[in-house]
Amino acid sequence: MKKRTFSKEEKLSIIREASLHGVTSTLEKHGVYPASYYCWKKKYDEMGEEGFNHGMTPQHLRRIRELEKENSALKQLLAEKELENKLKGELLKKKQALEKKRRL
């Protein structure tokens, strides 16, 4: 038997159809194993449609959100440091210019 892959939309429609018409008849109609169906249903119940994205588990999503927060904080720190360095550079240039004028 050839392995069949289902798209996210197909999985959602099978889950909805199974809730309306019964699990057994729906799975036989579409040729889906019960283990696959219950795995899809668990992912859908836990994470909604995002659960069908490849390899996404609640732990992965949580980790991604943590990394995104950390990344944005680091970007903000970097921007502040760049601004600080730019201002320091400008002050040094002004200070050097004033010292040159005093010497003359």
C-alpha atoms as a PDB file:
ATOM      1  CA  MET A   1       0.000   0.000   0.000  1.00  0.00           C
ATOM      2  CA  LYS A   2       1.333   3.404  -0.987  1.00  0.00           C
ATOM      3  CA  LYS A   3       1.745   5.984   1.771  1.00  0.00           C
ATOM      4  CA  ARG A   4      -0.514   8.995   1.328  1.00  0.00           C
ATOM      5  CA  THR A   5       0.091  12.442   2.737  1.00  0.00           C
ATOM      6  CA  PHE A   6      -2.757  14.742   3.605  1.00  0.00           C
ATOM      7  CA  SER A   7      -2.683  18.512   3.404  1.00  0.00           C
ATOM      8  CA  LYS A   8      -3.603  20.678   6.361  1.00  0.00           C
ATOM      9  CA  GLU A   9      -7.006  21.438   4.819  1.00  0.00           C
ATOM     10  CA  GLU A  10      -7.712  17.744   4.226  1.00  0.00           C
ATOM     11  CA  LYS A  11      -6.854  16.899   7.824  1.00  0.00           C
ATOM     12  CA  LEU A  12      -9.141  19.652   9.099  1.00  0.00           C
ATOM     13  CA  SER A  13     -12.016  18.534   6.903  1.00  0.00           C
ATOM     14  CA  ILE A  14     -11.588  14.908   8.022  1.00  0.00           C
ATOM     15  CA  ILE A  15     -11.626  15.954  11.683  1.00  0.00           C
ATOM     16  CA  ARG A  16     -14.765  18.056  11.161  1.00  0.00           C
ATOM     17  CA  GLU A  17     -16.476  15.321   9.159  1.00  0.00           C
ATOM     18  CA  ALA A  18     -15.639  12.720  11.788  1.00  0.00           C
ATOM     19  CA  SER A  19     -17.223  14.839  14.511  1.00  0.00           C
ATOM     20  CA  LEU A  20     -20.403  15.119  12.436  1.00  0.00           C
ATOM     21  CA  HIS A  21     -20.741  11.662  10.859  1.00  0.00           C
ATOM     22  CA  GLY A  22     -18.768   9.417  13.191  1.00  0.00           C
ATOM     23  CA  VAL A  23     -15.124   8.490  13.334  1.00  0.00           C
ATOM     24  CA  THR A  24     -15.197   4.943  11.976  1.00  0.00           C
ATOM     25  CA  SER A  25     -17.191   5.636   8.825  1.00  0.00           C
ATOM     26  CA  THR A  26     -15.216   8.789   8.030  1.00  0.00           C
ATOM     27  CA  LEU A  27     -11.853   7.044   8.447  1.00  0.00           C
ATOM     28  CA  GLU A  28     -12.906   4.157   6.224  1.00  0.00           C
ATOM     29  CA  LYS A  29     -14.183   6.585   3.594  1.00  0.00           C
ATOM     30  CA  HIS A  30     -10.858   8.469   3.456  1.00  0.00           C
ATOM     31  CA  GLY A  31      -8.567   5.504   4.124  1.00  0.00           C
ATOM     32  CA  VAL A  32      -7.038   6.974   7.279  1.00  0.00           C
ATOM     33  CA  TYR A  33      -5.718   4.893  10.156  1.00  0.00           C
ATOM     34  CA  PRO A  34      -7.320   5.609  13.533  1.00  0.00           C
ATOM     35  CA  ALA A  35      -3.905   6.322  15.091  1.00  0.00           C
ATOM     36  CA  SER A  36      -3.279   9.025  12.489  1.00  0.00           C
ATOM     37  CA  TYR A  37      -6.698  10.541  13.059  1.00  0.00           C
ATOM     38  CA  TYR A  38      -6.290  10.692  16.838  1.00  0.00           C
ATOM     39  CA  CYS A  39      -2.808  12.177  16.465  1.00  0.00           C
ATOM     40  CA  TRP A  40      -4.237  14.904  14.188  1.00  0.00           C
ATOM     41  CA  LYS A  41      -7.128  15.500  16.588  1.00  0.00           C
ATOM     42  CA  LYS A  42      -4.760  15.830  19.552  1.00  0.00           C
ATOM     43  CA  LYS A  43      -2.606  18.358  17.680  1.00  0.00           C
ATOM     44  CA  TYR A  44      -5.693  20.289  16.606  1.00  0.00           C
ATOM     45  CA  ASP A  45      -7.133  20.335  20.140  1.00  0.00           C
ATOM     46  CA  GLU A  46      -3.829  21.484  21.680  1.00  0.00           C
ATOM     47  CA  MET A  47      -2.628  24.035  19.132  1.00  0.00           C
ATOM     48  CA  GLY A  48      -5.360  24.628  16.589  1.00  0.00           C
ATOM     49  CA  GLU A  49      -4.401  24.856  12.935  1.00  0.00           C
ATOM     50  CA  GLU A  50      -0.775  25.691  13.820  1.00  0.00           C
ATOM     51  CA  GLY A  51      -0.438  22.130  15.076  1.00  0.00           C
ATOM     52  CA  PHE A  52      -0.444  20.848  11.504  1.00  0.00           C
ATOM     53  CA  ASN A  53       2.650  22.787  10.514  1.00  0.00           C
ATOM     54  CA  HIS A  54       5.527  20.383  10.091  1.00  0.00           C
ATOM     55  CA  GLY A  55       7.193  19.498  13.377  1.00  0.00           C
ATOM     56  CA  MET A  56       5.412  22.095  15.480  1.00  0.00           C
ATOM     57  CA  THR A  57       4.725  20.965  19.012  1.00  0.00           C
ATOM     58  CA  PRO A  58       3.710  23.157  21.950  1.00  0.00           C
ATOM     59  CA  GLN A  59       7.290  23.013  23.227  1.00  0.00           C
ATOM     60  CA  HIS A  60       8.636  24.144  19.842  1.00  0.00           C
ATOM     61  CA  LEU A  61       6.178  27.012  19.672  1.00  0.00           C
ATOM     62  CA  ARG A  62       7.016  28.082  23.222  1.00  0.00           C
ATOM     63  CA  ARG A  63      10.744  27.971  22.479  1.00  0.00           C
ATOM     64  CA  ILE A  64      10.271  29.960  19.262  1.00  0.00           C
ATOM     65  CA  ARG A  65       8.338  32.649  21.137  1.00  0.00           C
ATOM     66  CA  GLU A  66      11.060  32.818  23.808  1.00  0.00           C
ATOM     67  CA  LEU A  67      13.748  33.172  21.149  1.00  0.00           C
ATOM     68  CA  GLU A  68      11.771  35.866  19.337  1.00  0.00           C
ATOM     69  CA  LYS A  69      11.455  37.873  22.574  1.00  0.00           C
ATOM     70  CA  GLU A  70      15.159  37.464  23.278  1.00  0.00           C
ATOM     71  CA  ASN A  71      16.005  38.445  19.708  1.00  0.00           C
ATOM     72  CA  SER A  72      13.932  41.628  19.884  1.00  0.00           C
ATOM     73  CA  ALA A  73      15.513  42.554  23.237  1.00  0.00           C
ATOM     74  CA  LEU A  74      18.996  42.026  21.784  1.00  0.00           C
ATOM     75  CA  LYS A  75      18.148  44.113  18.727  1.00  0.00           C
ATOM     76  CA  GLN A  76      16.954  46.932  20.972  1.00  0.00           C
ATOM     77  CA  LEU A  77      20.146  46.755  23.055  1.00  0.00           C
ATOM     78  CA  LEU A  78      22.260  46.825  19.909  1.00  0.00           C
ATOM     79  CA  ALA A  79      20.383  49.845  18.566  1.00  0.00           C
ATOM     80  CA  GLU A  80      20.873  51.676  21.864  1.00  0.00           C
ATOM     81  CA  LYS A  81      24.613  50.888  21.870  1.00  0.00           C
ATOM     82  CA  GLU A  82      24.964  52.047  18.265  1.00  0.00           C
ATOM     83  CA  LEU A  83      23.213  55.312  19.086  1.00  0.00           C
ATOM     84  CA  GLU A  84      25.376  55.764  22.186  1.00  0.00           C
ATOM     85  CA  ASN A  85      28.574  55.156  20.189  1.00  0.00           C
ATOM     86  CA  LYS A  86      27.464  57.581  17.493  1.00  0.00           C
ATOM     87  CA  LEU A  87      26.777  60.292  20.051  1.00  0.00           C
ATOM     88  CA  LYS A  88      30.135  59.686  21.751  1.00  0.00           C
ATOM     89  CA  GLY A  89      31.893  59.946  18.399  1.00  0.00           C
ATOM     90  CA  GLU A  90      30.175  63.241  17.626  1.00  0.00           C
ATOM     91  CA  LEU A  91      31.092  64.654  21.054  1.00  0.00           C
ATOM     92  CA  LEU A  92      34.721  63.622  20.597  1.00  0.00           C
ATOM     93  CA  LYS A  93      34.837  65.338  17.205  1.00  0.00           C
ATOM     94  CA  LYS A  94      33.410  68.543  18.707  1.00  0.00           C
ATOM     95  CA  LYS A  95      35.831  68.368  21.614  1.00  0.00           C
ATOM     96  CA  GLN A  96      38.799  67.896  19.274  1.00  0.00           C
ATOM     97  CA  ALA A  97      37.629  70.777  17.118  1.00  0.00           C
ATOM     98  CA  LEU A  98      37.400  73.050  20.183  1.00  0.00           C
ATOM     99  CA  GLU A  99      40.877  72.031  21.328  1.00  0.00           C
ATOM    100  CA  LYS A 100      42.328  72.836  17.908  1.00  0.00           C
ATOM    101  CA  LYS A 101      40.708  76.282  17.964  1.00  0.00           C
ATOM    102  CA  ARG A 102      42.115  76.985  21.440  1.00  0.00           C
ATOM    103  CA  ARG A 103      45.611  76.026  20.323  1.00  0.00           C
ATOM    104  CA  LEU A 104      45.532  78.435  17.435  1.00  0.00           C
END
